[in-house]
Amino acid sequence: MADPRIKTLKIKTGVVKRLTKEKLMYIQETEQQLEKVEKLKKAGIDENTFKKQEEVLRESQMMIPDTQRRLKAAFEDLKSVIADCEELKEEEDYLNAQKFLAEAEKEIN
């Protein structure tokens, strides 16, 4: 029977992978929305539409710190699980976990 720690490792790795991707998507969305707001500002669009787009921009900006906080917690959690699974270092799932941990570390800092 497979070691139950491998399942935990896969789940924690998936969480870190998803949150890393989510953070990058929110950053990209914020940049796109900022460009859209700037274009609307220059075009002199009606104020209601402009305010709504600014609100969408603020919502996107608020999601980045929240996702960062969740990513940091998931990162620490995965780091802890990896430390507890040293004897599994030959397993593919362990190596994947280390790879995604390194990628997530770039996004945390």
PDB file of N, CA and C in Angstrom:
ATOM      1  N   MET A   1       0.845  -1.183   0.000  1.00  0.00           N
ATOM      2  CA  MET A   1       0.000   0.000   0.000  1.00  0.00           C
ATOM      3  C   MET A   1       0.892   1.248   0.000  1.00  0.00           C
ATOM      4  N   ALA A   2       0.459   2.250  -0.719  1.00  0.00           N
ATOM      5  CA  ALA A   2       1.235   3.491  -0.833  1.00  0.00           C
ATOM      6  C   ALA A   2       1.242   4.239   0.498  1.00  0.00           C
ATOM      7  N   ASP A   3       2.316   4.944   0.704  1.00  0.00           N
ATOM      8  CA  ASP A   3       2.478   5.747   1.914  1.00  0.00           C
ATOM      9  C   ASP A   3       1.433   6.870   1.916  1.00  0.00           C
ATOM     10  N   PRO A   4       0.657   7.020   3.002  1.00  0.00           N
ATOM     11  CA  PRO A   4      -0.372   8.073   3.040  1.00  0.00           C
ATOM     12  C   PRO A   4       0.214   9.487   2.978  1.00  0.00           C
ATOM     13  N   ARG A   5       1.487   9.617   3.308  1.00  0.00           N
ATOM     14  CA  ARG A   5       2.125  10.938   3.236  1.00  0.00           C
ATOM     15  C   ARG A   5       2.232  11.427   1.799  1.00  0.00           C
ATOM     16  N   ILE A   6       2.281  10.484   0.849  1.00  0.00           N
ATOM     17  CA  ILE A   6       2.363  10.863  -0.563  1.00  0.00           C
ATOM     18  C   ILE A   6       1.085  11.584  -0.975  1.00  0.00           C
ATOM     19  N   LYS A   7      -0.062  11.083  -0.509  1.00  0.00           N
ATOM     20  CA  LYS A   7      -1.333  11.737  -0.819  1.00  0.00           C
ATOM     21  C   LYS A   7      -1.360  13.148  -0.239  1.00  0.00           C
ATOM     22  N   THR A   8      -0.905  13.289   0.997  1.00  0.00           N
ATOM     23  CA  THR A   8      -0.843  14.606   1.635  1.00  0.00           C
ATOM     24  C   THR A   8       0.085  15.527   0.855  1.00  0.00           C
ATOM     25  N   LEU A   9       1.205  14.987   0.436  1.00  0.00           N
ATOM     26  CA  LEU A   9       2.182  15.753  -0.333  1.00  0.00           C
ATOM     27  C   LEU A   9       1.567  16.232  -1.649  1.00  0.00           C
ATOM     28  N   LYS A  10       0.823  15.361  -2.323  1.00  0.00           N
ATOM     29  CA  LYS A  10       0.173  15.733  -3.589  1.00  0.00           C
ATOM     30  C   LYS A  10      -0.847  16.845  -3.362  1.00  0.00           C
ATOM     31  N   ILE A  11      -1.644  16.721  -2.310  1.00  0.00           N
ATOM     32  CA  ILE A  11      -2.678  17.722  -2.023  1.00  0.00           C
ATOM     33  C   ILE A  11      -2.038  19.073  -1.715  1.00  0.00           C
ATOM     34  N   LYS A  12      -1.055  19.073  -0.831  1.00  0.00           N
ATOM     35  CA  LYS A  12      -0.395  20.331  -0.450  1.00  0.00           C
ATOM     36  C   LYS A  12       0.318  20.968  -1.644  1.00  0.00           C
ATOM     37  N   THR A  13       0.911  20.135  -2.494  1.00  0.00           N
ATOM     38  CA  THR A  13       1.575  20.635  -3.697  1.00  0.00           C
ATOM     39  C   THR A  13       0.558  21.284  -4.627  1.00  0.00           C
ATOM     40  N   GLY A  14      -0.598  20.639  -4.774  1.00  0.00           N
ATOM     41  CA  GLY A  14      -1.657  21.183  -5.620  1.00  0.00           C
ATOM     42  C   GLY A  14      -2.152  22.531  -5.124  1.00  0.00           C
ATOM     43  N   VAL A  15      -2.252  22.677  -3.812  1.00  0.00           N
ATOM     44  CA  VAL A  15      -2.700  23.953  -3.231  1.00  0.00           C
ATOM     45  C   VAL A  15      -1.690  25.060  -3.541  1.00  0.00           C
ATOM     46  N   VAL A  16      -0.412  24.767  -3.345  1.00  0.00           N
ATOM     47  CA  VAL A  16       0.634  25.763  -3.615  1.00  0.00           C
ATOM     48  C   VAL A  16       0.652  26.117  -5.098  1.00  0.00           C
ATOM     49  N   LYS A  17       0.528  25.121  -5.933  1.00  0.00           N
ATOM     50  CA  LYS A  17       0.526  25.350  -7.383  1.00  0.00           C
ATOM     51  C   LYS A  17      -0.651  26.233  -7.786  1.00  0.00           C
ATOM     52  N   ARG A  18      -1.839  25.933  -7.278  1.00  0.00           N
ATOM     53  CA  ARG A  18      -3.036  26.701  -7.611  1.00  0.00           C
ATOM     54  C   ARG A  18      -2.936  28.138  -7.119  1.00  0.00           C
ATOM     55  N   LEU A  19      -2.468  28.323  -5.883  1.00  0.00           N
ATOM     56  CA  LEU A  19      -2.383  29.679  -5.333  1.00  0.00           C
ATOM     57  C   LEU A  19      -1.317  30.518  -6.037  1.00  0.00           C
ATOM     58  N   THR A  20      -0.228  29.885  -6.450  1.00  0.00           N
ATOM     59  CA  THR A  20       0.807  30.606  -7.198  1.00  0.00           C
ATOM     60  C   THR A  20       0.213  31.101  -8.513  1.00  0.00           C
ATOM     61  N   LYS A  21      -0.497  30.216  -9.194  1.00  0.00           N
ATOM     62  CA  LYS A  21      -1.130  30.576 -10.455  1.00  0.00           C
ATOM     63  C   LYS A  21      -2.193  31.657 -10.241  1.00  0.00           C
ATOM     64  N   GLU A  22      -2.959  31.518  -9.181  1.00  0.00           N
ATOM     65  CA  GLU A  22      -4.015  32.487  -8.862  1.00  0.00           C
ATOM     66  C   GLU A  22      -3.435  33.879  -8.628  1.00  0.00           C
ATOM     67  N   LYS A  23      -2.336  33.945  -7.886  1.00  0.00           N
ATOM     68  CA  LYS A  23      -1.719  35.244  -7.612  1.00  0.00           C
ATOM     69  C   LYS A  23      -1.249  35.898  -8.912  1.00  0.00           C
ATOM     70  N   LEU A  24      -0.625  35.122  -9.769  1.00  0.00           N
ATOM     71  CA  LEU A  24      -0.156  35.661 -11.050  1.00  0.00           C
ATOM     72  C   LEU A  24      -1.320  36.143 -11.911  1.00  0.00           C
ATOM     73  N   MET A  25      -2.432  35.434 -11.858  1.00  0.00           N
ATOM     74  CA  MET A  25      -3.611  35.838 -12.628  1.00  0.00           C
ATOM     75  C   MET A  25      -4.194  37.149 -12.089  1.00  0.00           C
ATOM     76  N   TYR A  26      -4.231  37.305 -10.770  1.00  0.00           N
ATOM     77  CA  TYR A  26      -4.741  38.562 -10.201  1.00  0.00           C
ATOM     78  C   TYR A  26      -3.833  39.737 -10.550  1.00  0.00           C
ATOM     79  N   ILE A  27      -2.542  39.509 -10.562  1.00  0.00           N
ATOM     80  CA  ILE A  27      -1.610  40.576 -10.942  1.00  0.00           C
ATOM     81  C   ILE A  27      -1.844  40.969 -12.397  1.00  0.00           C
ATOM     82  N   GLN A  28      -1.979  39.970 -13.251  1.00  0.00           N
ATOM     83  CA  GLN A  28      -2.226  40.229 -14.668  1.00  0.00           C
ATOM     84  C   GLN A  28      -3.567  40.940 -14.864  1.00  0.00           C
ATOM     85  N   GLU A  29      -4.590  40.489 -14.160  1.00  0.00           N
ATOM     86  CA  GLU A  29      -5.915  41.106 -14.257  1.00  0.00           C
ATOM     87  C   GLU A  29      -5.871  42.566 -13.803  1.00  0.00           C
ATOM     88  N   THR A  30      -5.127  42.833 -12.740  1.00  0.00           N
ATOM     89  CA  THR A  30      -5.003  44.199 -12.236  1.00  0.00           C
ATOM     90  C   THR A  30      -4.329  45.096 -13.267  1.00  0.00           C
ATOM     91  N   GLU A  31      -3.289  44.597 -13.898  1.00  0.00           N
ATOM     92  CA  GLU A  31      -2.588  45.379 -14.922  1.00  0.00           C
ATOM     93  C   GLU A  31      -3.507  45.683 -16.104  1.00  0.00           C
ATOM     94  N   GLN A  32      -4.264  44.666 -16.538  1.00  0.00           N
ATOM     95  CA  GLN A  32      -5.182  44.861 -17.656  1.00  0.00           C
ATOM     96  C   GLN A  32      -6.277  45.851 -17.291  1.00  0.00           C
ATOM     97  N   GLN A  33      -6.792  45.729 -16.097  1.00  0.00           N
ATOM     98  CA  GLN A  33      -7.867  46.620 -15.658  1.00  0.00           C
ATOM     99  C   GLN A  33      -7.360  48.059 -15.523  1.00  0.00           C
ATOM    100  N   LEU A  34      -6.122  48.208 -15.064  1.00  0.00           N
ATOM    101  CA  LEU A  34      -5.520  49.535 -14.943  1.00  0.00           C
ATOM    102  C   LEU A  34      -5.413  50.194 -16.313  1.00  0.00           C
ATOM    103  N   GLU A  35      -4.991  49.417 -17.306  1.00  0.00           N
ATOM    104  CA  GLU A  35      -4.906  49.938 -18.671  1.00  0.00           C
ATOM    105  C   GLU A  35      -6.291  50.345 -19.173  1.00  0.00           C
ATOM    106  N   LYS A  36      -7.279  49.529 -18.874  1.00  0.00           N
ATOM    107  CA  LYS A  36      -8.647  49.817 -19.306  1.00  0.00           C
ATOM    108  C   LYS A  36      -9.165  51.106 -18.673  1.00  0.00           C
ATOM    109  N   VAL A  37      -8.895  51.284 -17.380  1.00  0.00           N
ATOM    110  CA  VAL A  37      -9.322  52.498 -16.678  1.00  0.00           C
ATOM    111  C   VAL A  37      -8.640  53.725 -17.278  1.00  0.00           C
ATOM    112  N   GLU A  38      -7.356  53.606 -17.574  1.00  0.00           N
ATOM    113  CA  GLU A  38      -6.626  54.722 -18.178  1.00  0.00           C
ATOM    114  C   GLU A  38      -7.194  55.091 -19.547  1.00  0.00           C
ATOM    115  N   LYS A  39      -7.527  54.064 -20.351  1.00  0.00           N
ATOM    116  CA  LYS A  39      -8.111  54.325 -21.668  1.00  0.00           C
ATOM    117  C   LYS A  39      -9.467  55.022 -21.535  1.00  0.00           C
ATOM    118  N   LEU A  40     -10.274  54.552 -20.590  1.00  0.00           N
ATOM    119  CA  LEU A  40     -11.589  55.162 -20.380  1.00  0.00           C
ATOM    120  C   LEU A  40     -11.455  56.604 -19.910  1.00  0.00           C
ATOM    121  N   LYS A  41     -10.458  56.847 -19.080  1.00  0.00           N
ATOM    122  CA  LYS A  41     -10.210  58.199 -18.564  1.00  0.00           C
ATOM    123  C   LYS A  41      -9.865  59.141 -19.717  1.00  0.00           C
ATOM    124  N   LYS A  42      -9.008  58.670 -20.618  1.00  0.00           N
ATOM    125  CA  LYS A  42      -8.596  59.492 -21.762  1.00  0.00           C
ATOM    126  C   LYS A  42      -9.740  59.671 -22.760  1.00  0.00           C
ATOM    127  N   ALA A  43     -10.598  58.658 -22.867  1.00  0.00           N
ATOM    128  CA  ALA A  43     -11.696  58.715 -23.829  1.00  0.00           C
ATOM    129  C   ALA A  43     -12.842  59.596 -23.338  1.00  0.00           C
ATOM    130  N   GLY A  44     -12.821  59.939 -22.057  1.00  0.00           N
ATOM    131  CA  GLY A  44     -13.868  60.792 -21.503  1.00  0.00           C
ATOM    132  C   GLY A  44     -15.212  60.083 -21.414  1.00  0.00           C
ATOM    133  N   ILE A  45     -15.191  58.811 -21.068  1.00  0.00           N
ATOM    134  CA  ILE A  45     -16.416  58.006 -20.956  1.00  0.00           C
ATOM    135  C   ILE A  45     -17.265  58.519 -19.790  1.00  0.00           C
ATOM    136  N   ASP A  46     -18.547  58.174 -19.778  1.00  0.00           N
ATOM    137  CA  ASP A  46     -19.420  58.678 -18.712  1.00  0.00           C
ATOM    138  C   ASP A  46     -18.948  58.197 -17.337  1.00  0.00           C
ATOM    139  N   GLU A  47     -19.250  58.996 -16.336  1.00  0.00           N
ATOM    140  CA  GLU A  47     -18.706  58.796 -14.996  1.00  0.00           C
ATOM    141  C   GLU A  47     -19.135  57.483 -14.349  1.00  0.00           C
ATOM    142  N   ASN A  48     -20.367  57.043 -14.580  1.00  0.00           N
ATOM    143  CA  ASN A  48     -20.838  55.791 -13.976  1.00  0.00           C
ATOM    144  C   ASN A  48     -20.031  54.592 -14.462  1.00  0.00           C
ATOM    145  N   THR A  49     -19.800  54.520 -15.747  1.00  0.00           N
ATOM    146  CA  THR A  49     -19.007  53.431 -16.322  1.00  0.00           C
ATOM    147  C   THR A  49     -17.587  53.487 -15.786  1.00  0.00           C
ATOM    148  N   PHE A  50     -17.045  54.683 -15.725  1.00  0.00           N
ATOM    149  CA  PHE A  50     -15.680  54.870 -15.229  1.00  0.00           C
ATOM    150  C   PHE A  50     -15.562  54.423 -13.774  1.00  0.00           C
ATOM    151  N   LYS A  51     -16.521  54.817 -12.940  1.00  0.00           N
ATOM    152  CA  LYS A  51     -16.484  54.443 -11.521  1.00  0.00           C
ATOM    153  C   LYS A  51     -16.620  52.934 -11.348  1.00  0.00           C
ATOM    154  N   LYS A  52     -17.446  52.314 -12.166  1.00  0.00           N
ATOM    155  CA  LYS A  52     -17.624  50.861 -12.086  1.00  0.00           C
ATOM    156  C   LYS A  52     -16.312  50.152 -12.427  1.00  0.00           C
ATOM    157  N   GLN A  53     -15.622  50.635 -13.441  1.00  0.00           N
ATOM    158  CA  GLN A  53     -14.341  50.028 -13.831  1.00  0.00           C
ATOM    159  C   GLN A  53     -13.280  50.247 -12.755  1.00  0.00           C
ATOM    160  N   GLU A  54     -13.314  51.406 -12.118  1.00  0.00           N
ATOM    161  CA  GLU A  54     -12.386  51.649 -11.003  1.00  0.00           C
ATOM    162  C   GLU A  54     -12.671  50.691  -9.845  1.00  0.00           C
ATOM    163  N   GLU A  55     -13.953  50.423  -9.616  1.00  0.00           N
ATOM    164  CA  GLU A  55     -14.335  49.484  -8.556  1.00  0.00           C
ATOM    165  C   GLU A  55     -13.823  48.077  -8.868  1.00  0.00           C
ATOM    166  N   VAL A  56     -13.950  47.673 -10.120  1.00  0.00           N
ATOM    167  CA  VAL A  56     -13.434  46.364 -10.543  1.00  0.00           C
ATOM    168  C   VAL A  56     -11.920  46.314 -10.326  1.00  0.00           C
ATOM    169  N   LEU A  57     -11.240  47.407 -10.650  1.00  0.00           N
ATOM    170  CA  LEU A  57      -9.794  47.495 -10.442  1.00  0.00           C
ATOM    171  C   LEU A  57      -9.447  47.345  -8.964  1.00  0.00           C
ATOM    172  N   ARG A  58     -10.152  48.049  -8.104  1.00  0.00           N
ATOM    173  CA  ARG A  58      -9.878  47.966  -6.654  1.00  0.00           C
ATOM    174  C   ARG A  58     -10.108  46.556  -6.119  1.00  0.00           C
ATOM    175  N   GLU A  59     -11.151  45.894  -6.616  1.00  0.00           N
ATOM    176  CA  GLU A  59     -11.429  44.523  -6.180  1.00  0.00           C
ATOM    177  C   GLU A  59     -10.283  43.584  -6.572  1.00  0.00           C
ATOM    178  N   SER A  60      -9.778  43.754  -7.773  1.00  0.00           N
ATOM    179  CA  SER A  60      -8.646  42.934  -8.222  1.00  0.00           C
ATOM    180  C   SER A  60      -7.414  43.220  -7.369  1.00  0.00           C
ATOM    181  N   GLN A  61      -7.181  44.481  -7.074  1.00  0.00           N
ATOM    182  CA  GLN A  61      -6.024  44.855  -6.258  1.00  0.00           C
ATOM    183  C   GLN A  61      -6.131  44.290  -4.848  1.00  0.00           C
ATOM    184  N   MET A  62      -7.344  44.207  -4.311  1.00  0.00           N
ATOM    185  CA  MET A  62      -7.539  43.680  -2.956  1.00  0.00           C
ATOM    186  C   MET A  62      -7.291  42.170  -2.899  1.00  0.00           C
ATOM    187  N   MET A  63      -7.466  41.498  -4.003  1.00  0.00           N
ATOM    188  CA  MET A  63      -7.292  40.044  -4.010  1.00  0.00           C
ATOM    189  C   MET A  63      -5.820  39.640  -3.956  1.00  0.00           C
ATOM    190  N   ILE A  64      -4.932  40.494  -4.399  1.00  0.00           N
ATOM    191  CA  ILE A  64      -3.509  40.139  -4.428  1.00  0.00           C
ATOM    192  C   ILE A  64      -2.961  39.900  -3.020  1.00  0.00           C
ATOM    193  N   PRO A  65      -3.148  40.809  -2.061  1.00  0.00           N
ATOM    194  CA  PRO A  65      -2.632  40.546  -0.707  1.00  0.00           C
ATOM    195  C   PRO A  65      -3.283  39.324  -0.052  1.00  0.00           C
ATOM    196  N   ASP A  66      -4.576  39.117  -0.308  1.00  0.00           N
ATOM    197  CA  ASP A  66      -5.266  37.956   0.255  1.00  0.00           C
ATOM    198  C   ASP A  66      -4.666  36.663  -0.295  1.00  0.00           C
ATOM    199  N   THR A  67      -4.468  36.624  -1.603  1.00  0.00           N
ATOM    200  CA  THR A  67      -3.880  35.440  -2.226  1.00  0.00           C
ATOM    201  C   THR A  67      -2.440  35.256  -1.751  1.00  0.00           C
ATOM    202  N   GLN A  68      -1.722  36.352  -1.583  1.00  0.00           N
ATOM    203  CA  GLN A  68      -0.346  36.292  -1.073  1.00  0.00           C
ATOM    204  C   GLN A  68      -0.318  35.671   0.322  1.00  0.00           C
ATOM    205  N   ARG A  69      -1.245  36.069   1.172  1.00  0.00           N
ATOM    206  CA  ARG A  69      -1.322  35.535   2.535  1.00  0.00           C
ATOM    207  C   ARG A  69      -1.614  34.027   2.511  1.00  0.00           C
ATOM    208  N   ARG A  70      -2.582  33.627   1.686  1.00  0.00           N
ATOM    209  CA  ARG A  70      -2.929  32.203   1.591  1.00  0.00           C
ATOM    210  C   ARG A  70      -1.793  31.393   0.988  1.00  0.00           C
ATOM    211  N   LEU A  71      -1.097  31.973  -0.001  1.00  0.00           N
ATOM    212  CA  LEU A  71       0.043  31.299  -0.614  1.00  0.00           C
ATOM    213  C   LEU A  71       1.156  31.094   0.402  1.00  0.00           C
ATOM    214  N   LYS A  72       1.416  32.113   1.199  1.00  0.00           N
ATOM    215  CA  LYS A  72       2.470  32.008   2.209  1.00  0.00           C
ATOM    216  C   LYS A  72       2.137  30.906   3.222  1.00  0.00           C
ATOM    217  N   ALA A  73       0.880  30.827   3.641  1.00  0.00           N
ATOM    218  CA  ALA A  73       0.464  29.785   4.590  1.00  0.00           C
ATOM    219  C   ALA A  73       0.599  28.395   3.958  1.00  0.00           C
ATOM    220  N   ALA A  74       0.167  28.258   2.711  1.00  0.00           N
ATOM    221  CA  ALA A  74       0.268  26.971   2.012  1.00  0.00           C
ATOM    222  C   ALA A  74       1.727  26.601   1.780  1.00  0.00           C
ATOM    223  N   PHE A  75       2.549  27.598   1.488  1.00  0.00           N
ATOM    224  CA  PHE A  75       3.977  27.385   1.286  1.00  0.00           C
ATOM    225  C   PHE A  75       4.614  26.810   2.554  1.00  0.00           C
ATOM    226  N   GLU A  76       4.330  27.430   3.686  1.00  0.00           N
ATOM    227  CA  GLU A  76       4.882  26.959   4.959  1.00  0.00           C
ATOM    228  C   GLU A  76       4.378  25.558   5.296  1.00  0.00           C
ATOM    229  N   ASP A  77       3.117  25.301   4.980  1.00  0.00           N
ATOM    230  CA  ASP A  77       2.520  23.993   5.218  1.00  0.00           C
ATOM    231  C   ASP A  77       3.230  22.923   4.383  1.00  0.00           C
ATOM    232  N   LEU A  78       3.413  23.200   3.091  1.00  0.00           N
ATOM    233  CA  LEU A  78       4.098  22.253   2.204  1.00  0.00           C
ATOM    234  C   LEU A  78       5.543  22.056   2.631  1.00  0.00           C
ATOM    235  N   LYS A  79       6.183  23.128   3.023  1.00  0.00           N
ATOM    236  CA  LYS A  79       7.570  23.058   3.481  1.00  0.00           C
ATOM    237  C   LYS A  79       7.675  22.117   4.687  1.00  0.00           C
ATOM    238  N   SER A  80       6.720  22.208   5.586  1.00  0.00           N
ATOM    239  CA  SER A  80       6.677  21.353   6.765  1.00  0.00           C
ATOM    240  C   SER A  80       6.462  19.891   6.378  1.00  0.00           C
ATOM    241  N   VAL A  81       5.547  19.653   5.449  1.00  0.00           N
ATOM    242  CA  VAL A  81       5.270  18.277   5.006  1.00  0.00           C
ATOM    243  C   VAL A  81       6.502  17.692   4.326  1.00  0.00           C
ATOM    244  N   ILE A  82       7.165  18.482   3.502  1.00  0.00           N
ATOM    245  CA  ILE A  82       8.387  18.006   2.828  1.00  0.00           C
ATOM    246  C   ILE A  82       9.444  17.642   3.855  1.00  0.00           C
ATOM    247  N   ALA A  83       9.590  18.450   4.876  1.00  0.00           N
ATOM    248  CA  ALA A  83      10.581  18.174   5.924  1.00  0.00           C
ATOM    249  C   ALA A  83      10.269  16.865   6.645  1.00  0.00           C
ATOM    250  N   ASP A  84       8.990  16.554   6.792  1.00  0.00           N
ATOM    251  CA  ASP A  84       8.584  15.315   7.463  1.00  0.00           C
ATOM    252  C   ASP A  84       8.697  14.086   6.563  1.00  0.00           C
ATOM    253  N   CYS A  85       8.905  14.306   5.274  1.00  0.00           N
ATOM    254  CA  CYS A  85       8.933  13.201   4.304  1.00  0.00           C
ATOM    255  C   CYS A  85      10.310  13.009   3.673  1.00  0.00           C
ATOM    256  N   GLU A  86      11.358  13.347   4.376  1.00  0.00           N
ATOM    257  CA  GLU A  86      12.716  13.254   3.833  1.00  0.00           C
ATOM    258  C   GLU A  86      13.021  11.882   3.235  1.00  0.00           C
ATOM    259  N   GLU A  87      12.522  10.820   3.865  1.00  0.00           N
ATOM    260  CA  GLU A  87      12.820   9.473   3.378  1.00  0.00           C
ATOM    261  C   GLU A  87      12.113   9.149   2.061  1.00  0.00           C
ATOM    262  N   LEU A  88      11.232  10.007   1.613  1.00  0.00           N
ATOM    263  CA  LEU A  88      10.537   9.813   0.337  1.00  0.00           C
ATOM    264  C   LEU A  88      11.197  10.594  -0.794  1.00  0.00           C
ATOM    265  N   LYS A  89      12.402  11.076  -0.573  1.00  0.00           N
ATOM    266  CA  LYS A  89      13.024  11.985  -1.544  1.00  0.00           C
ATOM    267  C   LYS A  89      13.272  11.371  -2.920  1.00  0.00           C
ATOM    268  N   GLU A  90      13.127  10.059  -3.034  1.00  0.00           N
ATOM    269  CA  GLU A  90      13.280   9.393  -4.334  1.00  0.00           C
ATOM    270  C   GLU A  90      11.967   9.396  -5.117  1.00  0.00           C
ATOM    271  N   GLU A  91      10.862   9.678  -4.444  1.00  0.00           N
ATOM    272  CA  GLU A  91       9.537   9.652  -5.071  1.00  0.00           C
ATOM    273  C   GLU A  91       9.339  10.855  -5.997  1.00  0.00           C
ATOM    274  N   GLU A  92       8.638  10.623  -7.095  1.00  0.00           N
ATOM    275  CA  GLU A  92       8.361  11.689  -8.058  1.00  0.00           C
ATOM    276  C   GLU A  92       7.526  12.807  -7.434  1.00  0.00           C
ATOM    277  N   ASP A  93       6.561  12.427  -6.594  1.00  0.00           N
ATOM    278  CA  ASP A  93       5.707  13.426  -5.947  1.00  0.00           C
ATOM    279  C   ASP A  93       6.507  14.321  -5.005  1.00  0.00           C
ATOM    280  N   TYR A  94       7.498  13.775  -4.360  1.00  0.00           N
ATOM    281  CA  TYR A  94       8.367  14.547  -3.474  1.00  0.00           C
ATOM    282  C   TYR A  94       9.164  15.556  -4.301  1.00  0.00           C
ATOM    283  N   LEU A  95       9.694  15.097  -5.429  1.00  0.00           N
ATOM    284  CA  LEU A  95      10.477  15.982  -6.303  1.00  0.00           C
ATOM    285  C   LEU A  95       9.599  17.090  -6.891  1.00  0.00           C
ATOM    286  N   ASN A  96       8.362  16.744  -7.267  1.00  0.00           N
ATOM    287  CA  ASN A  96       7.420  17.765  -7.755  1.00  0.00           C
ATOM    288  C   ASN A  96       7.120  18.792  -6.676  1.00  0.00           C
ATOM    289  N   ALA A  97       6.932  18.314  -5.461  1.00  0.00           N
ATOM    290  CA  ALA A  97       6.642  19.218  -4.340  1.00  0.00           C
ATOM    291  C   ALA A  97       7.789  20.202  -4.148  1.00  0.00           C
ATOM    292  N   GLN A  98       9.013  19.712  -4.224  1.00  0.00           N
ATOM    293  CA  GLN A  98      10.169  20.595  -4.077  1.00  0.00           C
ATOM    294  C   GLN A  98      10.229  21.623  -5.208  1.00  0.00           C
ATOM    295  N   LYS A  99       9.901  21.173  -6.414  1.00  0.00           N
ATOM    296  CA  LYS A  99       9.920  22.069  -7.580  1.00  0.00           C
ATOM    297  C   LYS A  99       8.908  23.198  -7.402  1.00  0.00           C
ATOM    298  N   PHE A 100       7.676  22.853  -7.012  1.00  0.00           N
ATOM    299  CA  PHE A 100       6.649  23.876  -6.846  1.00  0.00           C
ATOM    300  C   PHE A 100       6.920  24.753  -5.632  1.00  0.00           C
ATOM    301  N   LEU A 101       7.579  24.203  -4.646  1.00  0.00           N
ATOM    302  CA  LEU A 101       7.958  24.999  -3.481  1.00  0.00           C
ATOM    303  C   LEU A 101       8.945  26.086  -3.904  1.00  0.00           C
ATOM    304  N   ALA A 102       9.901  25.723  -4.761  1.00  0.00           N
ATOM    305  CA  ALA A 102      10.879  26.696  -5.247  1.00  0.00           C
ATOM    306  C   ALA A 102      10.205  27.776  -6.107  1.00  0.00           C
ATOM    307  N   GLU A 103       9.244  27.377  -6.935  1.00  0.00           N
ATOM    308  CA  GLU A 103       8.524  28.351  -7.757  1.00  0.00           C
ATOM    309  C   GLU A 103       7.696  29.298  -6.903  1.00  0.00           C
ATOM    310  N   ALA A 104       7.041  28.749  -5.902  1.00  0.00           N
ATOM    311  CA  ALA A 104       6.209  29.565  -5.007  1.00  0.00           C
ATOM    312  C   ALA A 104       7.058  30.532  -4.205  1.00  0.00           C
ATOM    313  N   GLU A 105       8.254  30.108  -3.841  1.00  0.00           N
ATOM    314  CA  GLU A 105       9.139  30.975  -3.048  1.00  0.00           C
ATOM    315  C   GLU A 105       9.457  32.265  -3.797  1.00  0.00           C
ATOM    316  N   LYS A 106       9.569  32.181  -5.123  1.00  0.00           N
ATOM    317  CA  LYS A 106       9.820  33.376  -5.943  1.00  0.00           C
ATOM    318  C   LYS A 106       8.641  34.360  -5.845  1.00  0.00           C
ATOM    319  N   GLU A 107       7.430  33.815  -5.766  1.00  0.00           N
ATOM    320  CA  GLU A 107       6.236  34.654  -5.720  1.00  0.00           C
ATOM    321  C   GLU A 107       5.987  35.227  -4.329  1.00  0.00           C
ATOM    322  N   ILE A 108       6.501  34.575  -3.316  1.00  0.00           N
ATOM    323  CA  ILE A 108       6.297  35.046  -1.945  1.00  0.00           C
ATOM    324  C   ILE A 108       7.173  36.259  -1.667  1.00  0.00           C
ATOM    325  N   ASN A 109       8.354  36.249  -2.207  1.00  0.00           N
ATOM    326  CA  ASN A 109       9.306  37.340  -1.938  1.00  0.00           C
ATOM    327  C   ASN A 109       9.130  38.509  -2.841  1.00  0.00           C
TER     328      ASN A 109
END
